[in-house]
Amino acid sequence: MSRSLFITFEGGEGAGKTTLIQQIVHELSSRKLPLITTREPGGTPLGEEIRRLLLEPSTLSPYAELSLFLASRAQHIAQVIRPALAEHKIVLCDRFNDSTIAYQGAARGLGVEKVSEFCSFISQHLEPDLTFYLDLDPHIGLTRIEQRSKDRIEAETLSFHIAIRQAFHDLAKRHPHRLRLLDASKSPAEVFEDAMETVNGMLC
């Protein structure tokens, strides 16, 4: 590739992010395109330790939670994302700034504008070229995962997850140039087809 491409994936619980990422990795790898996959929080040794702290059962102040997410992101960008983009790779990242804005800014009540400012500062204004939000009614998504053990955030109330979905809809209106809503109530094959139509357009 002559240029890098930074694609992020967002979605509520049970929406199918992991499946979609795996499908896109398989497709792009079959074309011999240079790519990496990574996730937030995580992506680095520091980030993975922070991920453990964030997701295990505990009582965290919303401000402590936000600070941990941003610490993980700062290291992730410096150690993984920017170097990969500098090598003209496709970076596929499971969650990024939009999640922090929706979860901590909106659902935790810290303020969308203030958290957006923090995210922009910590990420040094790095913005994805494309963001997919797998849109699914939280009632359906939480039903899909009810048989598995839930982490601290998955176990939040239904109203919390509804607020997150609304926040992502608002973000999609604010950033129509990059944030695309995918109907995650469709089959995985259909969601993949919808996503690849957009990705292929960016690869041309």
N, C-alpha and C. Protein backbone atom coordinates (compact mmCIF):
# COMPACT_ATOMS: atom_id res chain seq x y z
N MET A 1 0.83 -1.20 0.00
CA MET A 1 0.00 0.00 0.00
C MET A 1 0.87 1.25 0.00
N SER A 2 0.40 2.28 -0.69
CA SER A 2 1.13 3.54 -0.73
C SER A 2 0.74 4.45 0.42
N ARG A 3 -0.35 4.12 1.12
CA ARG A 3 -0.80 4.95 2.23
C ARG A 3 -1.31 4.06 3.35
N SER A 4 -1.27 4.62 4.55
CA SER A 4 -1.79 3.89 5.71
C SER A 4 -3.30 4.04 5.77
N LEU A 5 -3.93 3.21 6.62
CA LEU A 5 -5.37 3.28 6.81
C LEU A 5 -5.66 2.87 8.25
N PHE A 6 -6.37 3.72 8.97
CA PHE A 6 -6.68 3.48 10.37
C PHE A 6 -8.19 3.29 10.50
N ILE A 7 -8.60 2.05 10.82
CA ILE A 7 -10.02 1.72 10.93
C ILE A 7 -10.31 1.26 12.35
N THR A 8 -11.33 1.86 12.98
CA THR A 8 -11.71 1.46 14.32
C THR A 8 -13.10 0.85 14.31
N PHE A 9 -13.35 0.02 15.31
CA PHE A 9 -14.60 -0.73 15.41
C PHE A 9 -15.23 -0.46 16.77
N GLU A 10 -16.49 -0.07 16.75
CA GLU A 10 -17.22 0.23 17.96
C GLU A 10 -18.53 -0.56 17.95
N GLY A 11 -19.08 -0.78 19.13
CA GLY A 11 -20.36 -1.48 19.20
C GLY A 11 -20.73 -1.81 20.61
N GLY A 12 -22.01 -1.99 20.84
CA GLY A 12 -22.48 -2.39 22.15
C GLY A 12 -22.17 -3.85 22.44
N GLU A 13 -22.50 -4.28 23.63
CA GLU A 13 -22.23 -5.66 24.02
C GLU A 13 -23.05 -6.61 23.14
N GLY A 14 -22.36 -7.66 22.65
CA GLY A 14 -23.04 -8.66 21.83
C GLY A 14 -23.32 -8.25 20.40
N ALA A 15 -22.74 -7.13 19.96
CA ALA A 15 -23.04 -6.63 18.62
C ALA A 15 -22.28 -7.36 17.52
N GLY A 16 -21.18 -8.02 17.87
CA GLY A 16 -20.44 -8.80 16.87
C GLY A 16 -19.18 -8.16 16.35
N LYS A 17 -18.58 -7.25 17.14
CA LYS A 17 -17.34 -6.60 16.70
C LYS A 17 -16.23 -7.60 16.40
N THR A 18 -16.03 -8.52 17.32
CA THR A 18 -14.92 -9.48 17.17
C THR A 18 -15.08 -10.30 15.90
N THR A 19 -16.29 -10.75 15.63
CA THR A 19 -16.55 -11.53 14.42
C THR A 19 -16.26 -10.71 13.18
N LEU A 20 -16.72 -9.47 13.14
CA LEU A 20 -16.50 -8.63 11.96
C LEU A 20 -15.01 -8.37 11.75
N ILE A 21 -14.30 -8.07 12.82
CA ILE A 21 -12.86 -7.83 12.68
C ILE A 21 -12.16 -9.07 12.12
N GLN A 22 -12.51 -10.23 12.63
CA GLN A 22 -11.89 -11.47 12.14
C GLN A 22 -12.18 -11.68 10.66
N GLN A 23 -13.40 -11.38 10.24
CA GLN A 23 -13.76 -11.55 8.82
C GLN A 23 -12.97 -10.59 7.94
N ILE A 24 -12.82 -9.35 8.38
CA ILE A 24 -12.09 -8.36 7.59
C ILE A 24 -10.61 -8.71 7.55
N VAL A 25 -10.06 -9.16 8.67
CA VAL A 25 -8.65 -9.60 8.68
C VAL A 25 -8.44 -10.72 7.67
N HIS A 26 -9.33 -11.68 7.66
CA HIS A 26 -9.21 -12.81 6.73
C HIS A 26 -9.24 -12.32 5.28
N GLU A 27 -10.15 -11.41 4.99
CA GLU A 27 -10.29 -10.90 3.62
C GLU A 27 -9.07 -10.10 3.20
N LEU A 28 -8.62 -9.19 4.03
CA LEU A 28 -7.49 -8.34 3.65
C LEU A 28 -6.18 -9.12 3.63
N SER A 29 -6.05 -10.09 4.53
CA SER A 29 -4.84 -10.93 4.52
C SER A 29 -4.77 -11.75 3.25
N SER A 30 -5.92 -12.19 2.75
CA SER A 30 -5.95 -12.98 1.52
C SER A 30 -5.48 -12.15 0.33
N ARG A 31 -5.56 -10.84 0.45
CA ARG A 31 -5.09 -9.94 -0.61
C ARG A 31 -3.63 -9.52 -0.39
N LYS A 32 -3.01 -10.07 0.65
CA LYS A 32 -1.61 -9.79 0.98
C LYS A 32 -1.39 -8.31 1.34
N LEU A 33 -2.39 -7.71 1.95
CA LEU A 33 -2.25 -6.32 2.38
C LEU A 33 -1.61 -6.27 3.77
N PRO A 34 -0.70 -5.35 4.00
CA PRO A 34 -0.04 -5.26 5.31
C PRO A 34 -1.00 -4.69 6.36
N LEU A 35 -1.20 -5.42 7.44
CA LEU A 35 -2.14 -4.95 8.45
C LEU A 35 -1.76 -5.45 9.83
N ILE A 36 -2.29 -4.77 10.82
CA ILE A 36 -2.19 -5.24 12.20
C ILE A 36 -3.56 -5.10 12.85
N THR A 37 -3.84 -5.92 13.84
CA THR A 37 -5.05 -5.77 14.63
C THR A 37 -4.63 -5.51 16.07
N THR A 38 -5.40 -4.69 16.73
CA THR A 38 -5.09 -4.36 18.11
C THR A 38 -6.38 -3.98 18.82
N ARG A 39 -6.30 -3.67 20.11
CA ARG A 39 -7.53 -3.40 20.84
C ARG A 39 -7.29 -2.40 21.97
N GLU A 40 -8.40 -1.82 22.40
CA GLU A 40 -8.37 -0.91 23.54
C GLU A 40 -9.45 -1.28 24.55
N PRO A 41 -9.15 -1.14 25.83
CA PRO A 41 -7.80 -0.91 26.34
C PRO A 41 -6.93 -2.13 26.07
N GLY A 42 -5.65 -1.91 25.91
CA GLY A 42 -4.74 -3.02 25.63
C GLY A 42 -3.76 -2.64 24.56
N GLY A 43 -3.30 -3.64 23.82
CA GLY A 43 -2.40 -3.38 22.71
C GLY A 43 -0.93 -3.32 23.05
N THR A 44 -0.63 -3.06 24.32
CA THR A 44 0.75 -3.02 24.82
C THR A 44 0.77 -3.72 26.17
N PRO A 45 1.95 -4.08 26.68
CA PRO A 45 1.98 -4.68 28.02
C PRO A 45 1.32 -3.79 29.08
N LEU A 46 1.60 -2.49 29.04
CA LEU A 46 0.97 -1.58 29.98
C LEU A 46 -0.54 -1.56 29.77
N GLY A 47 -0.96 -1.48 28.52
CA GLY A 47 -2.37 -1.43 28.21
C GLY A 47 -3.12 -2.67 28.66
N GLU A 48 -2.50 -3.83 28.51
CA GLU A 48 -3.17 -5.07 28.91
C GLU A 48 -3.32 -5.14 30.44
N GLU A 49 -2.33 -4.61 31.16
CA GLU A 49 -2.46 -4.56 32.61
C GLU A 49 -3.57 -3.60 33.03
N ILE A 50 -3.65 -2.47 32.34
CA ILE A 50 -4.73 -1.52 32.61
C ILE A 50 -6.07 -2.15 32.27
N ARG A 51 -6.12 -2.91 31.19
CA ARG A 51 -7.37 -3.58 30.81
C ARG A 51 -7.86 -4.49 31.94
N ARG A 52 -6.93 -5.22 32.54
CA ARG A 52 -7.30 -6.11 33.64
C ARG A 52 -7.91 -5.30 34.79
N LEU A 53 -7.29 -4.18 35.11
CA LEU A 53 -7.79 -3.34 36.20
C LEU A 53 -9.17 -2.78 35.89
N LEU A 54 -9.38 -2.42 34.64
CA LEU A 54 -10.65 -1.80 34.25
C LEU A 54 -11.81 -2.77 34.20
N LEU A 55 -11.55 -4.01 33.81
CA LEU A 55 -12.64 -4.93 33.56
C LEU A 55 -12.95 -5.89 34.71
N GLU A 56 -12.02 -6.03 35.66
CA GLU A 56 -12.32 -6.92 36.77
C GLU A 56 -13.29 -6.24 37.73
N PRO A 57 -14.09 -7.02 38.46
CA PRO A 57 -15.06 -6.42 39.39
C PRO A 57 -14.37 -5.53 40.41
N SER A 58 -14.79 -4.28 40.47
CA SER A 58 -14.21 -3.33 41.42
C SER A 58 -15.07 -2.07 41.40
N THR A 59 -14.80 -1.19 42.34
CA THR A 59 -15.48 0.09 42.35
C THR A 59 -14.48 1.17 41.95
N LEU A 60 -14.70 1.74 40.78
CA LEU A 60 -13.81 2.76 40.27
C LEU A 60 -14.55 4.08 40.17
N SER A 61 -13.91 5.15 40.57
CA SER A 61 -14.44 6.48 40.29
C SER A 61 -14.51 6.67 38.78
N PRO A 62 -15.55 7.31 38.26
CA PRO A 62 -15.60 7.58 36.82
C PRO A 62 -14.37 8.32 36.32
N TYR A 63 -13.80 9.19 37.16
CA TYR A 63 -12.61 9.93 36.76
C TYR A 63 -11.37 9.03 36.72
N ALA A 64 -11.29 8.10 37.66
CA ALA A 64 -10.19 7.13 37.64
C ALA A 64 -10.32 6.23 36.41
N GLU A 65 -11.56 5.82 36.12
CA GLU A 65 -11.80 4.98 34.94
C GLU A 65 -11.35 5.68 33.67
N LEU A 66 -11.76 6.94 33.51
CA LEU A 66 -11.37 7.72 32.34
C LEU A 66 -9.85 7.84 32.24
N SER A 67 -9.21 8.13 33.36
CA SER A 67 -7.75 8.29 33.36
C SER A 67 -7.03 7.02 32.94
N LEU A 68 -7.54 5.87 33.39
CA LEU A 68 -6.92 4.61 33.01
C LEU A 68 -7.07 4.33 31.52
N PHE A 69 -8.27 4.56 30.99
CA PHE A 69 -8.47 4.37 29.55
C PHE A 69 -7.51 5.25 28.74
N LEU A 70 -7.37 6.50 29.16
CA LEU A 70 -6.52 7.41 28.40
C LEU A 70 -5.04 7.09 28.55
N ALA A 71 -4.64 6.58 29.71
CA ALA A 71 -3.24 6.16 29.89
C ALA A 71 -2.92 5.01 28.95
N SER A 72 -3.83 4.05 28.87
CA SER A 72 -3.63 2.93 27.96
C SER A 72 -3.54 3.42 26.52
N ARG A 73 -4.39 4.37 26.16
CA ARG A 73 -4.41 4.86 24.77
C ARG A 73 -3.14 5.61 24.41
N ALA A 74 -2.65 6.42 25.33
CA ALA A 74 -1.43 7.18 25.04
C ALA A 74 -0.26 6.25 24.72
N GLN A 75 -0.12 5.19 25.51
CA GLN A 75 0.96 4.23 25.27
C GLN A 75 0.72 3.44 23.99
N HIS A 76 -0.53 3.10 23.76
CA HIS A 76 -0.91 2.33 22.58
C HIS A 76 -0.59 3.08 21.29
N ILE A 77 -0.92 4.36 21.27
CA ILE A 77 -0.65 5.17 20.09
C ILE A 77 0.86 5.28 19.85
N ALA A 78 1.60 5.56 20.91
CA ALA A 78 3.04 5.76 20.78
C ALA A 78 3.78 4.49 20.38
N GLN A 79 3.35 3.37 20.97
CA GLN A 79 4.10 2.12 20.81
C GLN A 79 3.62 1.27 19.64
N VAL A 80 2.35 1.38 19.27
CA VAL A 80 1.79 0.46 18.27
C VAL A 80 1.19 1.18 17.06
N ILE A 81 0.23 2.07 17.32
CA ILE A 81 -0.57 2.60 16.21
C ILE A 81 0.23 3.51 15.29
N ARG A 82 0.87 4.54 15.84
CA ARG A 82 1.62 5.45 14.97
C ARG A 82 2.77 4.76 14.23
N PRO A 83 3.54 3.88 14.87
CA PRO A 83 4.58 3.18 14.12
C PRO A 83 4.03 2.36 12.95
N ALA A 84 2.89 1.69 13.17
CA ALA A 84 2.28 0.91 12.09
C ALA A 84 1.81 1.80 10.95
N LEU A 85 1.20 2.93 11.28
CA LEU A 85 0.75 3.85 10.24
C LEU A 85 1.94 4.43 9.48
N ALA A 86 3.04 4.67 10.18
CA ALA A 86 4.24 5.19 9.53
C ALA A 86 4.82 4.19 8.54
N GLU A 87 4.52 2.90 8.75
CA GLU A 87 4.97 1.84 7.84
C GLU A 87 3.93 1.54 6.77
N HIS A 88 2.93 2.41 6.65
CA HIS A 88 1.88 2.29 5.63
C HIS A 88 1.07 1.01 5.77
N LYS A 89 0.78 0.66 7.01
CA LYS A 89 -0.04 -0.52 7.27
C LYS A 89 -1.49 -0.12 7.50
N ILE A 90 -2.38 -1.11 7.35
CA ILE A 90 -3.77 -0.95 7.75
C ILE A 90 -3.85 -1.32 9.23
N VAL A 91 -4.35 -0.43 10.04
CA VAL A 91 -4.50 -0.69 11.47
C VAL A 91 -5.98 -0.90 11.76
N LEU A 92 -6.32 -2.08 12.27
CA LEU A 92 -7.69 -2.39 12.66
C LEU A 92 -7.72 -2.42 14.18
N CYS A 93 -8.45 -1.49 14.78
CA CYS A 93 -8.43 -1.34 16.23
C CYS A 93 -9.82 -1.52 16.82
N ASP A 94 -9.93 -2.43 17.76
CA ASP A 94 -11.17 -2.70 18.49
C ASP A 94 -11.32 -1.64 19.58
N ARG A 95 -12.11 -0.62 19.30
CA ARG A 95 -12.42 0.54 20.14
C ARG A 95 -11.30 1.60 20.10
N PHE A 96 -11.76 2.85 20.25
CA PHE A 96 -10.82 3.98 20.29
C PHE A 96 -11.53 5.15 20.98
N ASN A 97 -11.24 6.37 20.60
CA ASN A 97 -11.78 7.53 21.31
C ASN A 97 -13.30 7.57 21.42
N ASP A 98 -13.99 7.11 20.38
CA ASP A 98 -15.45 7.18 20.40
C ASP A 98 -16.04 6.41 21.57
N SER A 99 -15.44 5.29 21.92
CA SER A 99 -15.93 4.52 23.07
C SER A 99 -15.80 5.33 24.35
N THR A 100 -14.67 6.00 24.52
CA THR A 100 -14.45 6.79 25.73
C THR A 100 -15.46 7.93 25.81
N ILE A 101 -15.71 8.57 24.69
CA ILE A 101 -16.68 9.67 24.66
C ILE A 101 -18.08 9.16 25.01
N ALA A 102 -18.45 7.99 24.45
CA ALA A 102 -19.79 7.45 24.69
C ALA A 102 -19.93 6.89 26.10
N TYR A 103 -18.95 6.10 26.53
CA TYR A 103 -19.05 5.43 27.83
C TYR A 103 -18.81 6.38 28.99
N GLN A 104 -17.66 7.07 28.96
CA GLN A 104 -17.34 7.93 30.10
C GLN A 104 -17.96 9.33 29.96
N GLY A 105 -17.95 9.87 28.74
CA GLY A 105 -18.51 11.19 28.55
C GLY A 105 -20.02 11.23 28.71
N ALA A 106 -20.72 10.31 28.03
CA ALA A 106 -22.18 10.31 28.05
C ALA A 106 -22.74 9.45 29.18
N ALA A 107 -22.46 8.14 29.14
CA ALA A 107 -23.10 7.22 30.08
C ALA A 107 -22.65 7.45 31.53
N ARG A 108 -21.38 7.79 31.74
CA ARG A 108 -20.90 8.08 33.10
C ARG A 108 -21.17 9.53 33.52
N GLY A 109 -21.58 10.36 32.56
CA GLY A 109 -21.96 11.72 32.89
C GLY A 109 -20.81 12.69 33.08
N LEU A 110 -19.63 12.38 32.54
CA LEU A 110 -18.50 13.28 32.70
C LEU A 110 -18.52 14.43 31.70
N GLY A 111 -19.38 14.32 30.69
CA GLY A 111 -19.51 15.40 29.72
C GLY A 111 -18.86 15.04 28.39
N VAL A 112 -19.66 15.00 27.35
CA VAL A 112 -19.17 14.61 26.02
C VAL A 112 -18.10 15.57 25.51
N GLU A 113 -18.34 16.87 25.64
CA GLU A 113 -17.38 17.84 25.11
C GLU A 113 -16.06 17.79 25.87
N LYS A 114 -16.13 17.71 27.19
CA LYS A 114 -14.89 17.68 27.99
C LYS A 114 -14.09 16.41 27.71
N VAL A 115 -14.76 15.26 27.67
CA VAL A 115 -14.05 14.01 27.41
C VAL A 115 -13.50 14.00 25.98
N SER A 116 -14.23 14.58 25.04
CA SER A 116 -13.73 14.69 23.66
C SER A 116 -12.43 15.48 23.63
N GLU A 117 -12.37 16.55 24.42
CA GLU A 117 -11.15 17.36 24.48
C GLU A 117 -9.99 16.54 25.04
N PHE A 118 -10.25 15.81 26.12
CA PHE A 118 -9.20 14.98 26.71
C PHE A 118 -8.71 13.94 25.70
N CYS A 119 -9.64 13.29 25.01
CA CYS A 119 -9.27 12.26 24.03
C CYS A 119 -8.42 12.84 22.92
N SER A 120 -8.80 14.01 22.43
CA SER A 120 -8.05 14.66 21.36
C SER A 120 -6.64 15.00 21.81
N PHE A 121 -6.52 15.49 23.04
CA PHE A 121 -5.20 15.84 23.58
C PHE A 121 -4.32 14.61 23.73
N ILE A 122 -4.86 13.56 24.36
CA ILE A 122 -4.08 12.35 24.61
C ILE A 122 -3.69 11.66 23.32
N SER A 123 -4.56 11.66 22.33
CA SER A 123 -4.27 10.98 21.06
C SER A 123 -3.52 11.88 20.10
N GLN A 124 -3.16 13.10 20.55
CA GLN A 124 -2.44 14.06 19.70
C GLN A 124 -3.19 14.29 18.39
N HIS A 125 -4.52 14.36 18.52
CA HIS A 125 -5.43 14.64 17.41
C HIS A 125 -5.45 13.54 16.34
N LEU A 126 -4.97 12.37 16.69
CA LEU A 126 -5.05 11.25 15.76
C LEU A 126 -6.51 10.82 15.63
N GLU A 127 -7.00 10.74 14.41
CA GLU A 127 -8.39 10.37 14.16
C GLU A 127 -8.44 9.23 13.16
N PRO A 128 -9.31 8.25 13.38
CA PRO A 128 -9.43 7.16 12.40
C PRO A 128 -9.86 7.67 11.03
N ASP A 129 -9.44 6.96 10.00
CA ASP A 129 -9.95 7.25 8.66
C ASP A 129 -11.38 6.77 8.52
N LEU A 130 -11.70 5.71 9.25
CA LEU A 130 -13.02 5.10 9.16
C LEU A 130 -13.35 4.44 10.49
N THR A 131 -14.58 4.63 10.94
CA THR A 131 -15.06 3.96 12.16
C THR A 131 -16.37 3.27 11.86
N PHE A 132 -16.45 2.00 12.22
CA PHE A 132 -17.71 1.26 12.11
C PHE A 132 -18.33 1.17 13.50
N TYR A 133 -19.60 1.50 13.59
CA TYR A 133 -20.35 1.26 14.82
C TYR A 133 -21.39 0.20 14.52
N LEU A 134 -21.27 -0.95 15.16
CA LEU A 134 -22.24 -2.04 14.98
C LEU A 134 -23.44 -1.73 15.86
N ASP A 135 -24.49 -1.30 15.23
CA ASP A 135 -25.66 -0.78 15.92
C ASP A 135 -26.66 -1.89 16.23
N LEU A 136 -26.96 -2.06 17.52
CA LEU A 136 -27.86 -3.12 17.95
C LEU A 136 -28.61 -2.68 19.18
N ASP A 137 -29.91 -2.99 19.23
CA ASP A 137 -30.72 -2.73 20.42
C ASP A 137 -30.05 -3.40 21.63
N PRO A 138 -29.74 -2.65 22.69
CA PRO A 138 -29.08 -3.25 23.86
C PRO A 138 -29.84 -4.44 24.45
N HIS A 139 -31.17 -4.44 24.35
CA HIS A 139 -31.93 -5.59 24.84
C HIS A 139 -31.45 -6.87 24.14
N ILE A 140 -31.28 -6.77 22.82
CA ILE A 140 -30.85 -7.93 22.03
C ILE A 140 -29.40 -8.28 22.33
N GLY A 141 -28.55 -7.27 22.38
CA GLY A 141 -27.13 -7.51 22.61
C GLY A 141 -26.86 -8.16 23.95
N LEU A 142 -27.51 -7.68 24.99
CA LEU A 142 -27.29 -8.26 26.31
C LEU A 142 -27.86 -9.67 26.40
N THR A 143 -28.91 -9.94 25.65
CA THR A 143 -29.45 -11.31 25.60
C THR A 143 -28.45 -12.26 24.95
N ARG A 144 -27.75 -11.77 23.94
CA ARG A 144 -26.77 -12.60 23.24
C ARG A 144 -25.63 -13.04 24.16
N ILE A 145 -25.31 -12.24 25.16
CA ILE A 145 -24.15 -12.56 26.01
C ILE A 145 -24.57 -13.02 27.41
N GLU A 146 -25.86 -13.28 27.61
CA GLU A 146 -26.32 -13.58 28.97
C GLU A 146 -25.76 -14.88 29.53
N GLN A 147 -25.29 -15.79 28.67
CA GLN A 147 -24.78 -17.07 29.15
C GLN A 147 -23.31 -17.03 29.52
N ARG A 148 -22.63 -15.94 29.22
CA ARG A 148 -21.21 -15.87 29.55
C ARG A 148 -21.01 -14.98 30.77
N SER A 149 -19.88 -15.16 31.45
CA SER A 149 -19.59 -14.30 32.60
C SER A 149 -19.26 -12.90 32.09
N LYS A 150 -19.77 -11.90 32.76
CA LYS A 150 -19.66 -10.53 32.28
C LYS A 150 -18.58 -9.77 33.04
N ASP A 151 -17.88 -8.89 32.32
CA ASP A 151 -16.92 -8.04 32.99
C ASP A 151 -17.65 -6.85 33.62
N ARG A 152 -16.90 -5.97 34.27
CA ARG A 152 -17.50 -4.88 35.04
C ARG A 152 -18.40 -3.98 34.19
N ILE A 153 -17.99 -3.71 32.96
CA ILE A 153 -18.76 -2.80 32.11
C ILE A 153 -19.94 -3.52 31.46
N GLU A 154 -19.74 -4.75 31.03
CA GLU A 154 -20.85 -5.52 30.46
C GLU A 154 -21.99 -5.68 31.47
N ALA A 155 -21.64 -5.74 32.76
CA ALA A 155 -22.64 -5.98 33.81
C ALA A 155 -23.39 -4.73 34.22
N GLU A 156 -23.14 -3.60 33.57
CA GLU A 156 -23.85 -2.37 33.90
C GLU A 156 -25.34 -2.50 33.57
N THR A 157 -26.12 -1.53 34.04
CA THR A 157 -27.57 -1.57 33.85
C THR A 157 -27.96 -1.37 32.39
N LEU A 158 -29.18 -1.79 32.07
CA LEU A 158 -29.69 -1.61 30.72
C LEU A 158 -29.72 -0.13 30.34
N SER A 159 -30.10 0.73 31.26
CA SER A 159 -30.17 2.16 30.97
C SER A 159 -28.79 2.71 30.60
N PHE A 160 -27.74 2.17 31.21
CA PHE A 160 -26.37 2.57 30.88
C PHE A 160 -26.06 2.23 29.43
N HIS A 161 -26.42 1.02 29.01
CA HIS A 161 -26.14 0.60 27.63
C HIS A 161 -27.01 1.33 26.62
N ILE A 162 -28.22 1.69 27.00
CA ILE A 162 -29.08 2.49 26.13
C ILE A 162 -28.47 3.88 25.92
N ALA A 163 -27.93 4.46 26.99
CA ALA A 163 -27.29 5.77 26.89
C ALA A 163 -26.08 5.73 25.97
N ILE A 164 -25.35 4.64 26.00
CA ILE A 164 -24.18 4.48 25.13
C ILE A 164 -24.61 4.44 23.67
N ARG A 165 -25.65 3.68 23.39
CA ARG A 165 -26.13 3.60 22.00
C ARG A 165 -26.55 4.97 21.50
N GLN A 166 -27.28 5.71 22.31
CA GLN A 166 -27.69 7.05 21.90
C GLN A 166 -26.50 7.95 21.65
N ALA A 167 -25.47 7.81 22.48
CA ALA A 167 -24.27 8.62 22.32
C ALA A 167 -23.59 8.32 20.98
N PHE A 168 -23.56 7.06 20.59
CA PHE A 168 -22.95 6.70 19.31
C PHE A 168 -23.78 7.23 18.14
N HIS A 169 -25.10 7.21 18.27
CA HIS A 169 -25.94 7.80 17.22
C HIS A 169 -25.64 9.29 17.08
N ASP A 170 -25.45 9.95 18.22
CA ASP A 170 -25.11 11.38 18.19
C ASP A 170 -23.74 11.60 17.54
N LEU A 171 -22.78 10.74 17.87
CA LEU A 171 -21.45 10.85 17.28
C LEU A 171 -21.49 10.64 15.77
N ALA A 172 -22.33 9.72 15.32
CA ALA A 172 -22.44 9.46 13.88
C ALA A 172 -22.96 10.69 13.14
N LYS A 173 -23.84 11.44 13.79
CA LYS A 173 -24.35 12.67 13.18
C LYS A 173 -23.27 13.75 13.16
N ARG A 174 -22.42 13.75 14.17
CA ARG A 174 -21.36 14.77 14.26
C ARG A 174 -20.20 14.45 13.32
N HIS A 175 -19.98 13.17 13.03
CA HIS A 175 -18.83 12.76 12.21
C HIS A 175 -19.26 11.87 11.05
N PRO A 176 -20.13 12.37 10.19
CA PRO A 176 -20.63 11.52 9.09
C PRO A 176 -19.57 11.15 8.06
N HIS A 177 -18.46 11.89 8.06
CA HIS A 177 -17.40 11.61 7.10
C HIS A 177 -16.63 10.34 7.42
N ARG A 178 -16.70 9.88 8.68
CA ARG A 178 -15.91 8.70 9.03
C ARG A 178 -16.68 7.64 9.81
N LEU A 179 -17.75 8.01 10.51
CA LEU A 179 -18.42 7.05 11.39
C LEU A 179 -19.65 6.47 10.68
N ARG A 180 -19.58 5.18 10.39
CA ARG A 180 -20.65 4.51 9.66
C ARG A 180 -21.38 3.53 10.57
N LEU A 181 -22.69 3.62 10.60
CA LEU A 181 -23.51 2.69 11.37
C LEU A 181 -23.80 1.45 10.55
N LEU A 182 -23.56 0.29 11.14
CA LEU A 182 -23.88 -1.00 10.52
C LEU A 182 -25.01 -1.64 11.31
N ASP A 183 -25.99 -2.17 10.62
CA ASP A 183 -27.13 -2.82 11.27
C ASP A 183 -26.69 -4.19 11.78
N ALA A 184 -26.39 -4.28 13.07
CA ALA A 184 -25.86 -5.52 13.64
C ALA A 184 -26.94 -6.54 13.94
N SER A 185 -28.20 -6.22 13.61
CA SER A 185 -29.25 -7.23 13.74
C SER A 185 -29.26 -8.16 12.53
N LYS A 186 -28.53 -7.79 11.49
CA LYS A 186 -28.38 -8.65 10.30
C LYS A 186 -27.46 -9.82 10.63
N SER A 187 -27.38 -10.76 9.71
CA SER A 187 -26.48 -11.90 9.89
C SER A 187 -25.04 -11.41 9.80
N PRO A 188 -24.09 -12.15 10.42
CA PRO A 188 -22.68 -11.76 10.32
C PRO A 188 -22.20 -11.60 8.88
N ALA A 189 -22.69 -12.45 7.98
CA ALA A 189 -22.29 -12.36 6.57
C ALA A 189 -22.77 -11.06 5.95
N GLU A 190 -23.99 -10.65 6.29
CA GLU A 190 -24.52 -9.40 5.74
C GLU A 190 -23.79 -8.18 6.31
N VAL A 191 -23.48 -8.22 7.61
CA VAL A 191 -22.74 -7.12 8.22
C VAL A 191 -21.37 -7.00 7.57
N PHE A 192 -20.72 -8.12 7.36
CA PHE A 192 -19.41 -8.14 6.71
C PHE A 192 -19.49 -7.56 5.30
N GLU A 193 -20.50 -7.94 4.56
CA GLU A 193 -20.66 -7.43 3.19
C GLU A 193 -20.86 -5.92 3.20
N ASP A 194 -21.67 -5.43 4.13
CA ASP A 194 -21.90 -3.99 4.23
C ASP A 194 -20.60 -3.26 4.57
N ALA A 195 -19.84 -3.82 5.51
CA ALA A 195 -18.59 -3.18 5.91
C ALA A 195 -17.55 -3.17 4.78
N MET A 196 -17.43 -4.29 4.10
CA MET A 196 -16.42 -4.38 3.05
C MET A 196 -16.72 -3.48 1.88
N GLU A 197 -17.97 -3.19 1.67
CA GLU A 197 -18.31 -2.25 0.57
C GLU A 197 -17.65 -0.90 0.85
N THR A 198 -17.68 -0.47 2.10
CA THR A 198 -17.04 0.79 2.48
C THR A 198 -15.52 0.67 2.46
N VAL A 199 -14.98 -0.41 3.02
CA VAL A 199 -13.53 -0.60 3.06
C VAL A 199 -12.96 -0.64 1.64
N ASN A 200 -13.60 -1.37 0.75
CA ASN A 200 -13.12 -1.46 -0.63
C ASN A 200 -13.07 -0.10 -1.30
N GLY A 201 -14.07 0.74 -0.98
CA GLY A 201 -14.08 2.07 -1.54
C GLY A 201 -12.88 2.89 -1.10
N MET A 202 -12.41 2.66 0.12
CA MET A 202 -11.27 3.39 0.63
C MET A 202 -9.95 2.82 0.12
N LEU A 203 -9.95 1.57 -0.30
CA LEU A 203 -8.74 0.93 -0.79
C LEU A 203 -8.48 1.21 -2.26
N CYS A 204 -9.49 1.73 -2.95
CA CYS A 204 -9.34 1.98 -4.40
C CYS A 204 -8.35 3.11 -4.65
